Amino acid sequence: MNEHQRKVDELIREFGGYWGPTEMLAALMEEVGELSREILGMEGVKGEGNGKKLREELGDVLFALSCIANHYDVDLLEALEESIEKYRSRDSRRWEKPTST
């Protein structure tokens, strides 16, 4: 567990403990919905966006994701590093222009 996840863990324990996994997943999905709404506003698709609100929603998504990761004892930074390496090797040629024959 990294430093940020420890901070989340301390706060959640102060509040009485974690919700169950399905409740935490629902909370994450709610936060992703709020992030979606803010991005739509930022891009002028629906409503008006606000950079400060976008930052807040990104933080809320990370908080909710941290709760799930903590429940399953997953270090998010380690998982991110593994994903970066996966994408680096799997998608290394994805954006190359095709060569003409």
N, C-alpha and C. Protein backbone atom coordinates (compact mmCIF):
# COMPACT_ATOMS: atom_id res chain seq x y z
N MET A 1 0.86 -1.17 0.00
CA MET A 1 0.00 0.00 0.00
C MET A 1 0.91 1.23 0.00
N ASN A 2 0.66 2.12 -0.93
CA ASN A 2 1.48 3.33 -1.02
C ASN A 2 0.97 4.39 -0.03
N GLU A 3 1.71 5.48 0.05
CA GLU A 3 1.41 6.54 1.02
C GLU A 3 -0.01 7.10 0.86
N HIS A 4 -0.43 7.33 -0.36
CA HIS A 4 -1.77 7.89 -0.58
C HIS A 4 -2.86 6.91 -0.18
N GLN A 5 -2.65 5.66 -0.50
CA GLN A 5 -3.63 4.65 -0.09
C GLN A 5 -3.68 4.51 1.43
N ARG A 6 -2.55 4.68 2.09
CA ARG A 6 -2.54 4.64 3.56
C ARG A 6 -3.36 5.80 4.13
N LYS A 7 -3.26 6.97 3.50
CA LYS A 7 -4.05 8.12 3.97
C LYS A 7 -5.54 7.83 3.81
N VAL A 8 -5.92 7.25 2.69
CA VAL A 8 -7.32 6.88 2.47
C VAL A 8 -7.75 5.87 3.53
N ASP A 9 -6.91 4.87 3.77
CA ASP A 9 -7.21 3.83 4.75
C ASP A 9 -7.42 4.43 6.14
N GLU A 10 -6.55 5.33 6.54
CA GLU A 10 -6.68 5.97 7.86
C GLU A 10 -8.01 6.71 7.97
N LEU A 11 -8.36 7.46 6.92
CA LEU A 11 -9.60 8.23 6.96
C LEU A 11 -10.82 7.30 7.01
N ILE A 12 -10.82 6.27 6.18
CA ILE A 12 -11.95 5.35 6.15
C ILE A 12 -12.11 4.66 7.51
N ARG A 13 -11.01 4.28 8.11
CA ARG A 13 -11.08 3.64 9.43
C ARG A 13 -11.59 4.62 10.49
N GLU A 14 -11.23 5.91 10.37
CA GLU A 14 -11.77 6.92 11.29
C GLU A 14 -13.29 7.01 11.15
N PHE A 15 -13.78 6.82 9.93
CA PHE A 15 -15.22 6.91 9.66
C PHE A 15 -15.96 5.62 10.01
N GLY A 16 -15.24 4.59 10.43
CA GLY A 16 -15.92 3.37 10.86
C GLY A 16 -15.67 2.16 9.98
N GLY A 17 -14.91 2.29 8.93
CA GLY A 17 -14.56 1.13 8.11
C GLY A 17 -15.09 1.21 6.70
N TYR A 18 -14.63 0.27 5.93
CA TYR A 18 -14.97 0.22 4.51
C TYR A 18 -16.38 -0.31 4.29
N TRP A 19 -16.98 0.13 3.20
CA TRP A 19 -18.22 -0.48 2.73
C TRP A 19 -17.88 -1.82 2.12
N GLY A 20 -18.89 -2.58 1.75
CA GLY A 20 -18.66 -3.83 1.04
C GLY A 20 -18.19 -3.55 -0.39
N PRO A 21 -17.62 -4.56 -1.04
CA PRO A 21 -17.09 -4.36 -2.39
C PRO A 21 -18.13 -3.85 -3.40
N THR A 22 -19.35 -4.34 -3.34
CA THR A 22 -20.34 -3.88 -4.31
C THR A 22 -20.74 -2.43 -4.06
N GLU A 23 -20.80 -2.03 -2.79
CA GLU A 23 -21.10 -0.63 -2.48
C GLU A 23 -19.97 0.27 -2.92
N MET A 24 -18.74 -0.19 -2.74
CA MET A 24 -17.60 0.60 -3.17
C MET A 24 -17.56 0.71 -4.69
N LEU A 25 -17.92 -0.36 -5.39
CA LEU A 25 -17.98 -0.31 -6.85
C LEU A 25 -19.05 0.67 -7.30
N ALA A 26 -20.19 0.65 -6.63
CA ALA A 26 -21.26 1.60 -6.97
C ALA A 26 -20.80 3.04 -6.74
N ALA A 27 -20.06 3.27 -5.65
CA ALA A 27 -19.55 4.62 -5.37
C ALA A 27 -18.55 5.04 -6.45
N LEU A 28 -17.70 4.12 -6.89
CA LEU A 28 -16.75 4.43 -7.97
C LEU A 28 -17.50 4.78 -9.24
N MET A 29 -18.51 4.02 -9.58
CA MET A 29 -19.27 4.29 -10.80
C MET A 29 -19.98 5.64 -10.71
N GLU A 30 -20.48 5.98 -9.53
CA GLU A 30 -21.10 7.29 -9.34
C GLU A 30 -20.09 8.40 -9.58
N GLU A 31 -18.89 8.23 -9.05
CA GLU A 31 -17.85 9.24 -9.24
C GLU A 31 -17.40 9.33 -10.70
N VAL A 32 -17.33 8.20 -11.38
CA VAL A 32 -16.98 8.22 -12.81
C VAL A 32 -18.07 8.95 -13.59
N GLY A 33 -19.32 8.78 -13.21
CA GLY A 33 -20.41 9.51 -13.85
C GLY A 33 -20.27 11.01 -13.67
N GLU A 34 -19.90 11.42 -12.46
CA GLU A 34 -19.69 12.85 -12.20
C GLU A 34 -18.50 13.37 -12.99
N LEU A 35 -17.46 12.58 -13.11
CA LEU A 35 -16.31 12.96 -13.93
C LEU A 35 -16.72 13.08 -15.39
N SER A 36 -17.52 12.16 -15.85
CA SER A 36 -18.01 12.21 -17.24
C SER A 36 -18.78 13.49 -17.52
N ARG A 37 -19.64 13.84 -16.59
CA ARG A 37 -20.43 15.07 -16.75
C ARG A 37 -19.51 16.28 -16.84
N GLU A 38 -18.47 16.31 -16.03
CA GLU A 38 -17.55 17.45 -16.04
C GLU A 38 -16.74 17.50 -17.34
N ILE A 39 -16.31 16.36 -17.82
CA ILE A 39 -15.57 16.33 -19.09
C ILE A 39 -16.46 16.76 -20.24
N LEU A 40 -17.71 16.33 -20.25
CA LEU A 40 -18.64 16.77 -21.29
C LEU A 40 -18.78 18.28 -21.26
N GLY A 41 -18.83 18.85 -20.08
CA GLY A 41 -18.89 20.31 -19.96
C GLY A 41 -17.62 20.97 -20.43
N MET A 42 -16.48 20.41 -20.05
CA MET A 42 -15.19 20.99 -20.45
C MET A 42 -15.04 21.00 -21.97
N GLU A 43 -15.59 19.99 -22.61
CA GLU A 43 -15.47 19.87 -24.07
C GLU A 43 -16.61 20.55 -24.82
N GLY A 44 -17.51 21.20 -24.08
CA GLY A 44 -18.60 21.93 -24.71
C GLY A 44 -19.70 21.06 -25.27
N VAL A 45 -19.72 19.79 -24.89
CA VAL A 45 -20.74 18.88 -25.39
C VAL A 45 -22.05 19.07 -24.65
N LYS A 46 -21.95 19.26 -23.34
CA LYS A 46 -23.15 19.39 -22.52
C LYS A 46 -22.84 20.28 -21.33
N GLY A 47 -23.46 21.41 -21.28
CA GLY A 47 -23.23 22.32 -20.17
C GLY A 47 -21.88 23.01 -20.26
N GLU A 48 -21.45 23.53 -19.14
CA GLU A 48 -20.16 24.21 -19.07
C GLU A 48 -19.29 23.50 -18.05
N GLY A 49 -18.02 23.35 -18.40
CA GLY A 49 -17.08 22.69 -17.51
C GLY A 49 -16.36 23.67 -16.62
N ASN A 50 -15.71 23.12 -15.64
CA ASN A 50 -14.98 23.91 -14.67
C ASN A 50 -13.72 23.13 -14.31
N GLY A 51 -12.56 23.72 -14.56
CA GLY A 51 -11.30 23.04 -14.29
C GLY A 51 -11.13 22.62 -12.84
N LYS A 52 -11.59 23.44 -11.92
CA LYS A 52 -11.49 23.11 -10.50
C LYS A 52 -12.37 21.90 -10.17
N LYS A 53 -13.56 21.88 -10.75
CA LYS A 53 -14.49 20.76 -10.53
C LYS A 53 -13.95 19.48 -11.17
N LEU A 54 -13.32 19.61 -12.35
CA LEU A 54 -12.72 18.45 -13.01
C LEU A 54 -11.66 17.84 -12.10
N ARG A 55 -10.83 18.67 -11.53
CA ARG A 55 -9.79 18.20 -10.61
C ARG A 55 -10.40 17.49 -9.42
N GLU A 56 -11.46 18.06 -8.87
CA GLU A 56 -12.15 17.46 -7.73
C GLU A 56 -12.69 16.08 -8.09
N GLU A 57 -13.32 15.98 -9.25
CA GLU A 57 -13.91 14.70 -9.66
C GLU A 57 -12.84 13.64 -9.93
N LEU A 58 -11.70 14.05 -10.50
CA LEU A 58 -10.60 13.11 -10.68
C LEU A 58 -10.11 12.60 -9.33
N GLY A 59 -10.00 13.50 -8.36
CA GLY A 59 -9.61 13.09 -7.02
C GLY A 59 -10.62 12.15 -6.39
N ASP A 60 -11.90 12.42 -6.59
CA ASP A 60 -12.94 11.54 -6.04
C ASP A 60 -12.87 10.14 -6.65
N VAL A 61 -12.60 10.07 -7.96
CA VAL A 61 -12.45 8.77 -8.60
C VAL A 61 -11.27 8.02 -8.01
N LEU A 62 -10.15 8.72 -7.83
CA LEU A 62 -8.98 8.07 -7.24
C LEU A 62 -9.24 7.61 -5.80
N PHE A 63 -9.99 8.41 -5.07
CA PHE A 63 -10.33 8.03 -3.69
C PHE A 63 -11.15 6.75 -3.69
N ALA A 64 -12.20 6.72 -4.51
CA ALA A 64 -13.07 5.55 -4.57
C ALA A 64 -12.30 4.32 -5.06
N LEU A 65 -11.44 4.51 -6.04
CA LEU A 65 -10.61 3.42 -6.55
C LEU A 65 -9.63 2.94 -5.48
N SER A 66 -9.10 3.87 -4.70
CA SER A 66 -8.19 3.50 -3.62
C SER A 66 -8.89 2.64 -2.57
N CYS A 67 -10.14 2.94 -2.29
CA CYS A 67 -10.90 2.13 -1.33
C CYS A 67 -11.01 0.69 -1.81
N ILE A 68 -11.32 0.51 -3.08
CA ILE A 68 -11.43 -0.84 -3.63
C ILE A 68 -10.07 -1.53 -3.60
N ALA A 69 -9.03 -0.82 -4.01
CA ALA A 69 -7.69 -1.41 -4.01
C ALA A 69 -7.28 -1.80 -2.59
N ASN A 70 -7.56 -0.96 -1.62
CA ASN A 70 -7.21 -1.28 -0.24
C ASN A 70 -7.95 -2.53 0.24
N HIS A 71 -9.21 -2.64 -0.12
CA HIS A 71 -10.00 -3.80 0.28
C HIS A 71 -9.36 -5.09 -0.22
N TYR A 72 -8.85 -5.05 -1.44
CA TYR A 72 -8.25 -6.24 -2.05
C TYR A 72 -6.72 -6.29 -1.91
N ASP A 73 -6.17 -5.38 -1.10
CA ASP A 73 -4.73 -5.33 -0.84
C ASP A 73 -3.91 -5.21 -2.12
N VAL A 74 -4.31 -4.27 -2.97
CA VAL A 74 -3.60 -3.99 -4.22
C VAL A 74 -2.98 -2.61 -4.11
N ASP A 75 -1.68 -2.52 -4.36
CA ASP A 75 -1.00 -1.23 -4.41
C ASP A 75 -1.27 -0.63 -5.79
N LEU A 76 -1.98 0.48 -5.83
CA LEU A 76 -2.36 1.09 -7.11
C LEU A 76 -1.16 1.54 -7.94
N LEU A 77 -0.13 2.05 -7.28
CA LEU A 77 1.04 2.50 -8.04
C LEU A 77 1.77 1.32 -8.67
N GLU A 78 1.84 0.21 -7.97
CA GLU A 78 2.44 -0.99 -8.56
C GLU A 78 1.59 -1.50 -9.72
N ALA A 79 0.27 -1.49 -9.53
CA ALA A 79 -0.63 -1.93 -10.61
C ALA A 79 -0.49 -1.01 -11.82
N LEU A 80 -0.35 0.29 -11.59
CA LEU A 80 -0.17 1.24 -12.68
C LEU A 80 1.13 0.96 -13.43
N GLU A 81 2.20 0.71 -12.70
CA GLU A 81 3.48 0.40 -13.34
C GLU A 81 3.36 -0.84 -14.23
N GLU A 82 2.66 -1.85 -13.73
CA GLU A 82 2.45 -3.07 -14.51
C GLU A 82 1.64 -2.77 -15.77
N SER A 83 0.64 -1.92 -15.65
CA SER A 83 -0.17 -1.56 -16.82
C SER A 83 0.65 -0.78 -17.84
N ILE A 84 1.48 0.12 -17.35
CA ILE A 84 2.33 0.89 -18.27
C ILE A 84 3.22 -0.06 -19.07
N GLU A 85 3.81 -1.01 -18.39
CA GLU A 85 4.67 -1.97 -19.09
C GLU A 85 3.88 -2.83 -20.06
N LYS A 86 2.67 -3.22 -19.66
CA LYS A 86 1.81 -4.01 -20.54
C LYS A 86 1.51 -3.23 -21.81
N TYR A 87 1.10 -1.98 -21.67
CA TYR A 87 0.79 -1.16 -22.85
C TYR A 87 2.04 -0.88 -23.67
N ARG A 88 3.16 -0.68 -23.00
CA ARG A 88 4.41 -0.41 -23.71
C ARG A 88 4.76 -1.58 -24.64
N SER A 89 4.64 -2.79 -24.15
CA SER A 89 5.01 -3.93 -24.99
C SER A 89 3.89 -4.31 -25.96
N ARG A 90 2.65 -4.29 -25.51
CA ARG A 90 1.54 -4.70 -26.37
C ARG A 90 1.24 -3.70 -27.47
N ASP A 91 1.35 -2.43 -27.15
CA ASP A 91 0.92 -1.39 -28.09
C ASP A 91 2.08 -0.58 -28.66
N SER A 92 3.28 -1.11 -28.59
CA SER A 92 4.44 -0.33 -28.99
C SER A 92 4.39 0.12 -30.45
N ARG A 93 3.67 -0.61 -31.28
CA ARG A 93 3.63 -0.25 -32.69
C ARG A 93 2.24 0.25 -33.11
N ARG A 94 1.37 0.44 -32.17
CA ARG A 94 -0.02 0.80 -32.49
C ARG A 94 -0.14 2.10 -33.29
N TRP A 95 0.69 3.10 -32.99
CA TRP A 95 0.55 4.41 -33.62
C TRP A 95 1.54 4.65 -34.76
N GLU A 96 2.21 3.60 -35.17
CA GLU A 96 3.11 3.75 -36.32
C GLU A 96 2.27 3.83 -37.58
N LYS A 97 2.74 4.65 -38.50
CA LYS A 97 2.07 4.75 -39.78
C LYS A 97 2.36 3.49 -40.58
N PRO A 98 1.36 2.95 -41.24
CA PRO A 98 1.60 1.75 -42.05
C PRO A 98 2.55 2.09 -43.20
N THR A 99 3.40 1.17 -43.51
CA THR A 99 4.32 1.35 -44.63
C THR A 99 3.63 0.95 -45.92
N SER A 100 3.86 1.71 -46.97
CA SER A 100 3.22 1.36 -48.25
C SER A 100 4.10 0.33 -48.96
N THR A 101 3.40 -0.53 -49.66
CA THR A 101 4.11 -1.56 -50.39
C THR A 101 4.00 -1.36 -51.87
